[in-house]
Amino acid sequence: MKKRTLYVTDMDGTLLNNGSYVSNRSSAIISDLSHDGALITVATARTPATVVPLMEGTFTTVPFVVLTGAALYDHAAGAYHDVRYIPAGDMELLRQLYSEAGVHPFVYHLDADGRLVVYHHHDMTQPERDFYVPRRNLRLKRFTFEPMCREAEDNVLLLFSTAPRKVILPLADALRAAGRFSVSCYPDIFTPDVLLLEVFATGVSKADAISRLEQSTGASRIVAFGDNLNDIPMLEMADVAVAVANAHPQVKECADIVIGPNYDDSVARFMLHDFYNN
């Protein structure tokens, strides 16, 4: 009997090409597969504010794994669900650790209407501005530069920072040592000397969210695709771990299969072959 497979792919550097979009060919393949019953989704550090526009022309039926697994996003209903919030009682410790490091994070919060609001209350560094400017007018994400009220701390999903390696690494170590958070620290694929730091509630990961999707979809086999260090836990829990040719060396080491590069529709072409041959 054919196993019900859930295909999960990272976006940047994996499904997306070097222009940072889903090519027409990849979109057509994934849409056709989904119409034929394939279970396909993305698992990404991105929010729906950028995932939805990027996937707009691609038909899929499975919720997106967004914010590195802190939430699922039902793109048909336009709603977050299965959200994992940072406990409000941990926010004081986070303020202390970030203050000691001299880092001012973007704080991601869901408001009472389920809309994503991002707080940042400090002058921006250049890496922070490089992150903010392309995202400032997105429909599904609103930035605010007012202080965050204490009541809003009940619904915080993520603290995100971008800074040079020498600034981020000590902070990441301190956050991990606290033992109360899920910490993801990895290079920006566009600017390798700049690190991205994501802090979530403990237990949050792409892998954990995919496990929940596996149960809800009734899948019995997972094929996962990735390129960067934050994809490793997802690849390790998959039945078939696939790295693209442009992946980080450590990602290739943990993969079962290395396919072509992200700019050659390699992920979609692998899905096409696998779906009809397994």
C-alpha atoms as a PDB file:
ATOM      1  CA  MET A   1       0.000   0.000   0.000  1.00  0.00           C
ATOM      2  CA  LYS A   2       1.314   3.435  -0.942  1.00  0.00           C
ATOM      3  CA  LYS A   3       2.410   5.442   2.097  1.00  0.00           C
ATOM      4  CA  ARG A   4       0.808   8.841   2.640  1.00  0.00           C
ATOM      5  CA  THR A   5       3.765  11.223   2.365  1.00  0.00           C
ATOM      6  CA  LEU A   6       4.052  14.738   3.751  1.00  0.00           C
ATOM      7  CA  TYR A   7       6.537  16.847   1.768  1.00  0.00           C
ATOM      8  CA  VAL A   8       7.979  19.755   3.748  1.00  0.00           C
ATOM      9  CA  THR A   9      10.426  22.237   2.291  1.00  0.00           C
ATOM     10  CA  ASP A  10      12.331  25.195   3.629  1.00  0.00           C
ATOM     11  CA  MET A  11      11.957  28.306   1.496  1.00  0.00           C
ATOM     12  CA  ASP A  12      15.049  30.551   1.268  1.00  0.00           C
ATOM     13  CA  GLY A  13      17.896  28.777  -0.472  1.00  0.00           C
ATOM     14  CA  THR A  14      15.790  25.635  -0.927  1.00  0.00           C
ATOM     15  CA  LEU A  15      12.419  26.034  -2.670  1.00  0.00           C
ATOM     16  CA  LEU A  16      13.010  29.664  -3.625  1.00  0.00           C
ATOM     17  CA  ASN A  17      15.426  30.356  -6.469  1.00  0.00           C
ATOM     18  CA  ASN A  18      18.251  32.890  -6.390  1.00  0.00           C
ATOM     19  CA  GLY A  19      15.755  35.661  -7.083  1.00  0.00           C
ATOM     20  CA  SER A  20      13.976  34.658  -3.848  1.00  0.00           C
ATOM     21  CA  TYR A  21      10.736  33.555  -5.455  1.00  0.00           C
ATOM     22  CA  VAL A  22       9.044  30.305  -6.502  1.00  0.00           C
ATOM     23  CA  SER A  23       9.716  29.768 -10.199  1.00  0.00           C
ATOM     24  CA  ASN A  24       6.833  29.188 -12.591  1.00  0.00           C
ATOM     25  CA  ARG A  25       8.012  25.630 -13.160  1.00  0.00           C
ATOM     26  CA  SER A  26       8.214  24.789  -9.451  1.00  0.00           C
ATOM     27  CA  SER A  27       4.844  26.414  -8.855  1.00  0.00           C
ATOM     28  CA  ALA A  28       3.213  24.407 -11.646  1.00  0.00           C
ATOM     29  CA  ILE A  29       4.708  21.110 -10.466  1.00  0.00           C
ATOM     30  CA  ILE A  30       3.671  21.630  -6.835  1.00  0.00           C
ATOM     31  CA  SER A  31       0.185  22.810  -7.807  1.00  0.00           C
ATOM     32  CA  ASP A  32      -0.372  19.796 -10.072  1.00  0.00           C
ATOM     33  CA  LEU A  33       0.884  17.410  -7.387  1.00  0.00           C
ATOM     34  CA  SER A  34      -1.384  18.996  -4.784  1.00  0.00           C
ATOM     35  CA  HIS A  35      -4.385  18.657  -7.093  1.00  0.00           C
ATOM     36  CA  ASP A  36      -3.441  14.973  -7.401  1.00  0.00           C
ATOM     37  CA  GLY A  37      -3.537  14.599  -3.609  1.00  0.00           C
ATOM     38  CA  ALA A  38       0.065  15.270  -2.599  1.00  0.00           C
ATOM     39  CA  LEU A  39       0.538  16.778   0.866  1.00  0.00           C
ATOM     40  CA  ILE A  40       3.002  19.632   0.381  1.00  0.00           C
ATOM     41  CA  THR A  41       3.876  22.553   2.611  1.00  0.00           C
ATOM     42  CA  VAL A  42       6.675  24.912   3.549  1.00  0.00           C
ATOM     43  CA  ALA A  43       8.466  25.214   6.892  1.00  0.00           C
ATOM     44  CA  THR A  44      10.178  28.537   7.307  1.00  0.00           C
ATOM     45  CA  ALA A  45      11.420  31.200   9.684  1.00  0.00           C
ATOM     46  CA  ARG A  46       9.345  33.657   7.661  1.00  0.00           C
ATOM     47  CA  THR A  47       5.941  34.951   8.723  1.00  0.00           C
ATOM     48  CA  PRO A  48       2.753  34.748   6.636  1.00  0.00           C
ATOM     49  CA  ALA A  49       3.410  38.373   5.647  1.00  0.00           C
ATOM     50  CA  THR A  50       6.015  37.158   3.159  1.00  0.00           C
ATOM     51  CA  VAL A  51       5.088  33.475   2.811  1.00  0.00           C
ATOM     52  CA  VAL A  52       1.581  34.174   1.504  1.00  0.00           C
ATOM     53  CA  PRO A  53       2.701  36.481  -1.350  1.00  0.00           C
ATOM     54  CA  LEU A  54       5.497  34.088  -2.313  1.00  0.00           C
ATOM     55  CA  MET A  55       3.138  31.086  -2.408  1.00  0.00           C
ATOM     56  CA  GLU A  56       0.186  32.976  -3.879  1.00  0.00           C
ATOM     57  CA  GLY A  57       0.367  31.325  -7.285  1.00  0.00           C
ATOM     58  CA  THR A  58       1.060  27.840  -5.910  1.00  0.00           C
ATOM     59  CA  PHE A  59      -1.804  25.556  -4.891  1.00  0.00           C
ATOM     60  CA  THR A  60      -1.266  23.561  -1.686  1.00  0.00           C
ATOM     61  CA  THR A  61      -3.685  22.114   0.858  1.00  0.00           C
ATOM     62  CA  VAL A  62      -1.584  21.821   4.026  1.00  0.00           C
ATOM     63  CA  PRO A  63      -1.092  24.692   6.514  1.00  0.00           C
ATOM     64  CA  PHE A  64       2.266  26.461   6.371  1.00  0.00           C
ATOM     65  CA  VAL A  65       4.774  26.019   9.195  1.00  0.00           C
ATOM     66  CA  VAL A  66       5.782  29.615   9.950  1.00  0.00           C
ATOM     67  CA  LEU A  67       8.003  31.386  12.465  1.00  0.00           C
ATOM     68  CA  THR A  68      10.244  28.296  12.696  1.00  0.00           C
ATOM     69  CA  GLY A  69       7.323  26.277  14.028  1.00  0.00           C
ATOM     70  CA  ALA A  70       5.934  28.740  16.573  1.00  0.00           C
ATOM     71  CA  ALA A  71       2.672  28.660  14.614  1.00  0.00           C
ATOM     72  CA  LEU A  72       0.851  27.051  11.744  1.00  0.00           C
ATOM     73  CA  TYR A  73      -0.901  29.264   9.233  1.00  0.00           C
ATOM     74  CA  ASP A  74      -4.047  28.190   7.428  1.00  0.00           C
ATOM     75  CA  HIS A  75      -3.700  30.133   4.187  1.00  0.00           C
ATOM     76  CA  ALA A  76      -7.207  29.213   3.041  1.00  0.00           C
ATOM     77  CA  ALA A  77      -8.771  30.729   6.171  1.00  0.00           C
ATOM     78  CA  GLY A  78      -6.112  33.421   6.642  1.00  0.00           C
ATOM     79  CA  ALA A  79      -5.628  32.479  10.287  1.00  0.00           C
ATOM     80  CA  TYR A  80      -2.910  31.395  12.706  1.00  0.00           C
ATOM     81  CA  HIS A  81      -3.473  28.292  14.788  1.00  0.00           C
ATOM     82  CA  ASP A  82      -1.555  25.953  17.083  1.00  0.00           C
ATOM     83  CA  VAL A  83       0.433  28.960  18.324  1.00  0.00           C
ATOM     84  CA  ARG A  84       3.255  28.523  20.861  1.00  0.00           C
ATOM     85  CA  TYR A  85       3.732  31.710  22.917  1.00  0.00           C
ATOM     86  CA  ILE A  86       6.721  32.626  25.086  1.00  0.00           C
ATOM     87  CA  PRO A  87       5.469  32.600  28.716  1.00  0.00           C
ATOM     88  CA  ALA A  88       4.883  36.182  29.875  1.00  0.00           C
ATOM     89  CA  GLY A  89       6.828  35.378  33.038  1.00  0.00           C
ATOM     90  CA  ASP A  90       9.993  34.876  30.980  1.00  0.00           C
ATOM     91  CA  MET A  91       9.925  38.324  29.382  1.00  0.00           C
ATOM     92  CA  GLU A  92      11.764  40.024  32.260  1.00  0.00           C
ATOM     93  CA  LEU A  93      14.687  37.607  31.926  1.00  0.00           C
ATOM     94  CA  LEU A  94      14.744  38.224  28.183  1.00  0.00           C
ATOM     95  CA  ARG A  95      14.822  41.985  28.700  1.00  0.00           C
ATOM     96  CA  GLN A  96      17.767  41.578  31.067  1.00  0.00           C
ATOM     97  CA  LEU A  97      19.792  39.322  28.762  1.00  0.00           C
ATOM     98  CA  TYR A  98      19.228  41.491  25.692  1.00  0.00           C
ATOM     99  CA  SER A  99      20.032  44.665  27.629  1.00  0.00           C
ATOM    100  CA  GLU A 100      23.315  43.189  28.869  1.00  0.00           C
ATOM    101  CA  ALA A 101      24.219  42.248  25.282  1.00  0.00           C
ATOM    102  CA  GLY A 102      23.257  45.661  23.899  1.00  0.00           C
ATOM    103  CA  VAL A 103      20.887  44.064  21.394  1.00  0.00           C
ATOM    104  CA  HIS A 104      17.411  45.439  20.671  1.00  0.00           C
ATOM    105  CA  PRO A 105      15.217  42.702  19.179  1.00  0.00           C
ATOM    106  CA  PHE A 106      12.159  42.840  16.995  1.00  0.00           C
ATOM    107  CA  VAL A 107       9.373  41.460  19.216  1.00  0.00           C
ATOM    108  CA  TYR A 108       6.622  39.552  17.382  1.00  0.00           C
ATOM    109  CA  HIS A 109       3.164  39.702  18.958  1.00  0.00           C
ATOM    110  CA  LEU A 110      -0.312  38.533  17.923  1.00  0.00           C
ATOM    111  CA  ASP A 111      -2.955  41.112  18.795  1.00  0.00           C
ATOM    112  CA  ALA A 112      -6.529  40.411  19.929  1.00  0.00           C
ATOM    113  CA  ASP A 113      -7.668  40.150  16.304  1.00  0.00           C
ATOM    114  CA  GLY A 114      -4.980  37.612  15.399  1.00  0.00           C
ATOM    115  CA  ARG A 115      -2.872  40.140  13.493  1.00  0.00           C
ATOM    116  CA  LEU A 116       0.909  40.144  13.652  1.00  0.00           C
ATOM    117  CA  VAL A 117       2.449  43.259  15.216  1.00  0.00           C
ATOM    118  CA  VAL A 118       6.226  43.703  15.452  1.00  0.00           C
ATOM    119  CA  TYR A 119       7.653  45.997  18.121  1.00  0.00           C
ATOM    120  CA  HIS A 120      11.073  47.660  17.933  1.00  0.00           C
ATOM    121  CA  HIS A 121      11.799  50.545  20.287  1.00  0.00           C
ATOM    122  CA  HIS A 122      15.327  51.779  19.568  1.00  0.00           C
ATOM    123  CA  ASP A 123      17.455  53.306  16.817  1.00  0.00           C
ATOM    124  CA  MET A 124      18.122  50.646  14.206  1.00  0.00           C
ATOM    125  CA  THR A 125      21.534  49.322  13.253  1.00  0.00           C
ATOM    126  CA  GLN A 126      22.266  48.798   9.559  1.00  0.00           C
ATOM    127  CA  PRO A 127      21.492  45.044   9.623  1.00  0.00           C
ATOM    128  CA  GLU A 128      18.211  45.810  11.418  1.00  0.00           C
ATOM    129  CA  ARG A 129      17.321  48.452   8.854  1.00  0.00           C
ATOM    130  CA  ASP A 130      18.200  46.055   6.029  1.00  0.00           C
ATOM    131  CA  PHE A 131      15.732  43.620   7.575  1.00  0.00           C
ATOM    132  CA  TYR A 132      12.983  46.175   8.227  1.00  0.00           C
ATOM    133  CA  VAL A 133      12.891  48.238   5.018  1.00  0.00           C
ATOM    134  CA  PRO A 134      11.722  45.497   2.578  1.00  0.00           C
ATOM    135  CA  ARG A 135       9.032  44.429   5.074  1.00  0.00           C
ATOM    136  CA  ARG A 136       7.657  47.761   6.258  1.00  0.00           C
ATOM    137  CA  ASN A 137       4.588  47.832   3.991  1.00  0.00           C
ATOM    138  CA  LEU A 138       3.534  44.196   4.118  1.00  0.00           C
ATOM    139  CA  ARG A 139      -0.187  43.547   4.428  1.00  0.00           C
ATOM    140  CA  LEU A 140       0.026  40.802   7.070  1.00  0.00           C
ATOM    141  CA  LYS A 141       2.663  42.365   9.349  1.00  0.00           C
ATOM    142  CA  ARG A 142       2.609  45.758  11.044  1.00  0.00           C
ATOM    143  CA  PHE A 143       5.698  47.358  12.599  1.00  0.00           C
ATOM    144  CA  THR A 144       5.352  49.729  15.533  1.00  0.00           C
ATOM    145  CA  PHE A 145       8.057  51.766  17.218  1.00  0.00           C
ATOM    146  CA  GLU A 146       6.227  52.491  20.459  1.00  0.00           C
ATOM    147  CA  PRO A 147       7.160  50.765  23.731  1.00  0.00           C
ATOM    148  CA  MET A 148       5.436  47.427  24.167  1.00  0.00           C
ATOM    149  CA  CYS A 149       2.850  47.456  26.963  1.00  0.00           C
ATOM    150  CA  ARG A 150       3.072  44.705  29.575  1.00  0.00           C
ATOM    151  CA  GLU A 151      -0.346  43.339  28.584  1.00  0.00           C
ATOM    152  CA  ALA A 152       1.004  42.549  25.112  1.00  0.00           C
ATOM    153  CA  GLU A 153       3.630  40.245  26.628  1.00  0.00           C
ATOM    154  CA  ASP A 154       1.009  37.497  26.940  1.00  0.00           C
ATOM    155  CA  ASN A 155       1.064  36.921  23.175  1.00  0.00           C
ATOM    156  CA  VAL A 156       4.737  37.061  22.142  1.00  0.00           C
ATOM    157  CA  LEU A 157       5.830  34.412  19.654  1.00  0.00           C
ATOM    158  CA  LEU A 158       9.348  35.486  18.772  1.00  0.00           C
ATOM    159  CA  LEU A 159      12.246  37.781  19.542  1.00  0.00           C
ATOM    160  CA  PHE A 160      14.263  38.273  16.358  1.00  0.00           C
ATOM    161  CA  SER A 161      17.691  39.908  16.079  1.00  0.00           C
ATOM    162  CA  THR A 162      20.185  40.439  13.302  1.00  0.00           C
ATOM    163  CA  ALA A 163      23.735  41.561  14.058  1.00  0.00           C
ATOM    164  CA  PRO A 164      27.402  40.723  13.450  1.00  0.00           C
ATOM    165  CA  ARG A 165      28.640  37.358  14.694  1.00  0.00           C
ATOM    166  CA  LYS A 166      30.660  38.820  17.597  1.00  0.00           C
ATOM    167  CA  VAL A 167      27.511  40.463  18.979  1.00  0.00           C
ATOM    168  CA  ILE A 168      25.036  37.630  18.481  1.00  0.00           C
ATOM    169  CA  LEU A 169      27.028  34.576  19.581  1.00  0.00           C
ATOM    170  CA  PRO A 170      27.513  35.583  23.266  1.00  0.00           C
ATOM    171  CA  LEU A 171      23.819  36.459  23.522  1.00  0.00           C
ATOM    172  CA  ALA A 172      22.795  33.150  21.955  1.00  0.00           C
ATOM    173  CA  ASP A 173      25.004  31.307  24.457  1.00  0.00           C
ATOM    174  CA  ALA A 174      23.447  33.198  27.388  1.00  0.00           C
ATOM    175  CA  LEU A 175      19.936  32.462  26.148  1.00  0.00           C
ATOM    176  CA  ARG A 176      20.691  28.759  25.756  1.00  0.00           C
ATOM    177  CA  ALA A 177      22.273  28.660  29.214  1.00  0.00           C
ATOM    178  CA  ALA A 178      19.030  30.006  30.693  1.00  0.00           C
ATOM    179  CA  GLY A 179      17.376  26.735  29.639  1.00  0.00           C
ATOM    180  CA  ARG A 180      13.962  28.322  29.167  1.00  0.00           C
ATOM    181  CA  PHE A 181      13.864  29.059  25.449  1.00  0.00           C
ATOM    182  CA  SER A 182      14.205  27.532  22.018  1.00  0.00           C
ATOM    183  CA  VAL A 183      17.152  29.347  20.427  1.00  0.00           C
ATOM    184  CA  SER A 184      18.022  29.287  16.735  1.00  0.00           C
ATOM    185  CA  CYS A 185      21.171  31.069  15.539  1.00  0.00           C
ATOM    186  CA  TYR A 186      22.381  30.820  11.956  1.00  0.00           C
ATOM    187  CA  PRO A 187      24.049  32.863   9.178  1.00  0.00           C
ATOM    188  CA  ASP A 188      22.070  35.117   6.885  1.00  0.00           C
ATOM    189  CA  ILE A 189      22.436  33.357   3.513  1.00  0.00           C
ATOM    190  CA  PHE A 190      22.704  36.747   1.813  1.00  0.00           C
ATOM    191  CA  THR A 191      25.245  38.227   4.292  1.00  0.00           C
ATOM    192  CA  PRO A 192      27.190  35.377   5.946  1.00  0.00           C
ATOM    193  CA  ASP A 193      29.038  37.655   8.406  1.00  0.00           C
ATOM    194  CA  VAL A 194      25.678  38.650   9.881  1.00  0.00           C
ATOM    195  CA  LEU A 195      23.897  36.162  12.134  1.00  0.00           C
ATOM    196  CA  LEU A 196      20.163  35.809  12.656  1.00  0.00           C
ATOM    197  CA  LEU A 197      18.952  34.999  16.168  1.00  0.00           C
ATOM    198  CA  GLU A 198      15.451  33.693  16.857  1.00  0.00           C
ATOM    199  CA  VAL A 199      14.141  33.060  20.360  1.00  0.00           C
ATOM    200  CA  PHE A 200      10.909  31.145  20.908  1.00  0.00           C
ATOM    201  CA  ALA A 201       9.110  29.297  23.676  1.00  0.00           C
ATOM    202  CA  THR A 202      10.891  26.140  24.742  1.00  0.00           C
ATOM    203  CA  GLY A 203      10.194  23.193  22.453  1.00  0.00           C
ATOM    204  CA  VAL A 204       9.433  25.280  19.378  1.00  0.00           C
ATOM    205  CA  SER A 205      11.032  23.973  16.194  1.00  0.00           C
ATOM    206  CA  LYS A 206      10.170  23.163  12.625  1.00  0.00           C
ATOM    207  CA  ALA A 207      10.503  19.493  13.561  1.00  0.00           C
ATOM    208  CA  ASP A 208       7.932  19.725  16.367  1.00  0.00           C
ATOM    209  CA  ALA A 209       5.431  21.540  14.141  1.00  0.00           C
ATOM    210  CA  ILE A 210       5.924  18.992  11.366  1.00  0.00           C
ATOM    211  CA  SER A 211       5.215  16.170  13.829  1.00  0.00           C
ATOM    212  CA  ARG A 212       1.892  17.817  14.615  1.00  0.00           C
ATOM    213  CA  LEU A 213       1.121  18.177  10.905  1.00  0.00           C
ATOM    214  CA  GLU A 214       2.017  14.533  10.340  1.00  0.00           C
ATOM    215  CA  GLN A 215      -0.656  13.542  12.852  1.00  0.00           C
ATOM    216  CA  SER A 216      -3.310  15.941  11.573  1.00  0.00           C
ATOM    217  CA  THR A 217      -2.835  14.938   7.917  1.00  0.00           C
ATOM    218  CA  GLY A 218      -2.579  11.219   8.582  1.00  0.00           C
ATOM    219  CA  ALA A 219       0.806  11.028   6.871  1.00  0.00           C
ATOM    220  CA  SER A 220       3.043   8.043   7.600  1.00  0.00           C
ATOM    221  CA  ARG A 221       6.165   9.253   5.786  1.00  0.00           C
ATOM    222  CA  ILE A 222       7.938  12.615   5.815  1.00  0.00           C
ATOM    223  CA  VAL A 223      10.250  13.943   3.117  1.00  0.00           C
ATOM    224  CA  ALA A 224      11.979  17.163   4.185  1.00  0.00           C
ATOM    225  CA  PHE A 225      14.158  19.575   2.205  1.00  0.00           C
ATOM    226  CA  GLY A 226      16.610  22.130   3.604  1.00  0.00           C
ATOM    227  CA  ASP A 227      19.790  24.109   3.125  1.00  0.00           C
ATOM    228  CA  ASN A 228      20.718  25.857   6.387  1.00  0.00           C
ATOM    229  CA  LEU A 229      21.663  24.911   9.940  1.00  0.00           C
ATOM    230  CA  ASN A 230      18.208  25.645  11.332  1.00  0.00           C
ATOM    231  CA  ASP A 231      16.835  22.927   9.028  1.00  0.00           C
ATOM    232  CA  ILE A 232      18.872  20.132  10.630  1.00  0.00           C
ATOM    233  CA  PRO A 233      16.334  19.119  13.344  1.00  0.00           C
ATOM    234  CA  MET A 234      13.641  18.917  10.653  1.00  0.00           C
ATOM    235  CA  LEU A 235      15.858  16.772   8.441  1.00  0.00           C
ATOM    236  CA  GLU A 236      16.846  14.504  11.330  1.00  0.00           C
ATOM    237  CA  MET A 237      13.219  13.623  12.100  1.00  0.00           C
ATOM    238  CA  ALA A 238      12.262  13.034   8.456  1.00  0.00           C
ATOM    239  CA  ASP A 239      12.054   9.602   6.869  1.00  0.00           C
ATOM    240  CA  VAL A 240      13.884  11.039   3.870  1.00  0.00           C
ATOM    241  CA  ALA A 241      16.183  14.018   4.463  1.00  0.00           C
ATOM    242  CA  VAL A 242      17.028  15.955   1.312  1.00  0.00           C
ATOM    243  CA  ALA A 243      19.628  18.725   1.009  1.00  0.00           C
ATOM    244  CA  VAL A 244      19.994  20.991  -1.995  1.00  0.00           C
ATOM    245  CA  ALA A 245      23.419  21.211  -3.645  1.00  0.00           C
ATOM    246  CA  ASN A 246      23.955  24.725  -2.280  1.00  0.00           C
ATOM    247  CA  ALA A 247      23.286  23.637   1.319  1.00  0.00           C
ATOM    248  CA  HIS A 248      25.613  24.253   4.249  1.00  0.00           C
ATOM    249  CA  PRO A 249      28.163  21.385   4.530  1.00  0.00           C
ATOM    250  CA  GLN A 250      26.701  20.234   7.863  1.00  0.00           C
ATOM    251  CA  VAL A 251      23.256  20.014   6.281  1.00  0.00           C
ATOM    252  CA  LYS A 252      24.600  17.837   3.477  1.00  0.00           C
ATOM    253  CA  GLU A 253      26.260  15.577   6.045  1.00  0.00           C
ATOM    254  CA  CYS A 254      22.967  14.811   7.781  1.00  0.00           C
ATOM    255  CA  ALA A 255      20.985  14.353   4.554  1.00  0.00           C
ATOM    256  CA  ASP A 256      20.067  11.023   2.998  1.00  0.00           C
ATOM    257  CA  ILE A 257      20.080  12.552  -0.473  1.00  0.00           C
ATOM    258  CA  VAL A 258      21.716  15.633  -2.012  1.00  0.00           C
ATOM    259  CA  ILE A 259      19.832  16.956  -5.033  1.00  0.00           C
ATOM    260  CA  GLY A 260      20.528  19.822  -7.430  1.00  0.00           C
ATOM    261  CA  PRO A 261      20.684  23.487  -6.428  1.00  0.00           C
ATOM    262  CA  ASN A 262      17.776  25.694  -5.401  1.00  0.00           C
ATOM    263  CA  TYR A 263      17.874  27.599  -8.706  1.00  0.00           C
ATOM    264  CA  ASP A 264      17.151  24.494 -10.821  1.00  0.00           C
ATOM    265  CA  ASP A 265      13.647  23.598  -9.518  1.00  0.00           C
ATOM    266  CA  SER A 266      15.349  20.713  -7.747  1.00  0.00           C
ATOM    267  CA  VAL A 267      12.910  20.456  -4.833  1.00  0.00           C
ATOM    268  CA  ALA A 268       9.792  20.370  -7.002  1.00  0.00           C
ATOM    269  CA  ARG A 269      11.366  17.933  -9.468  1.00  0.00           C
ATOM    270  CA  PHE A 270      12.311  15.577  -6.619  1.00  0.00           C
ATOM    271  CA  MET A 271       8.745  15.747  -5.239  1.00  0.00           C
ATOM    272  CA  LEU A 272       7.375  14.933  -8.692  1.00  0.00           C
ATOM    273  CA  HIS A 273       9.545  11.839  -9.063  1.00  0.00           C
ATOM    274  CA  ASP A 274       9.046  10.676  -5.487  1.00  0.00           C
ATOM    275  CA  PHE A 275       5.255  11.093  -5.419  1.00  0.00           C
ATOM    276  CA  TYR A 276       4.673   8.881  -8.442  1.00  0.00           C
ATOM    277  CA  ASN A 277       7.366   6.307  -7.623  1.00  0.00           C
ATOM    278  CA  ASN A 278       6.901   5.618  -3.903  1.00  0.00           C
END
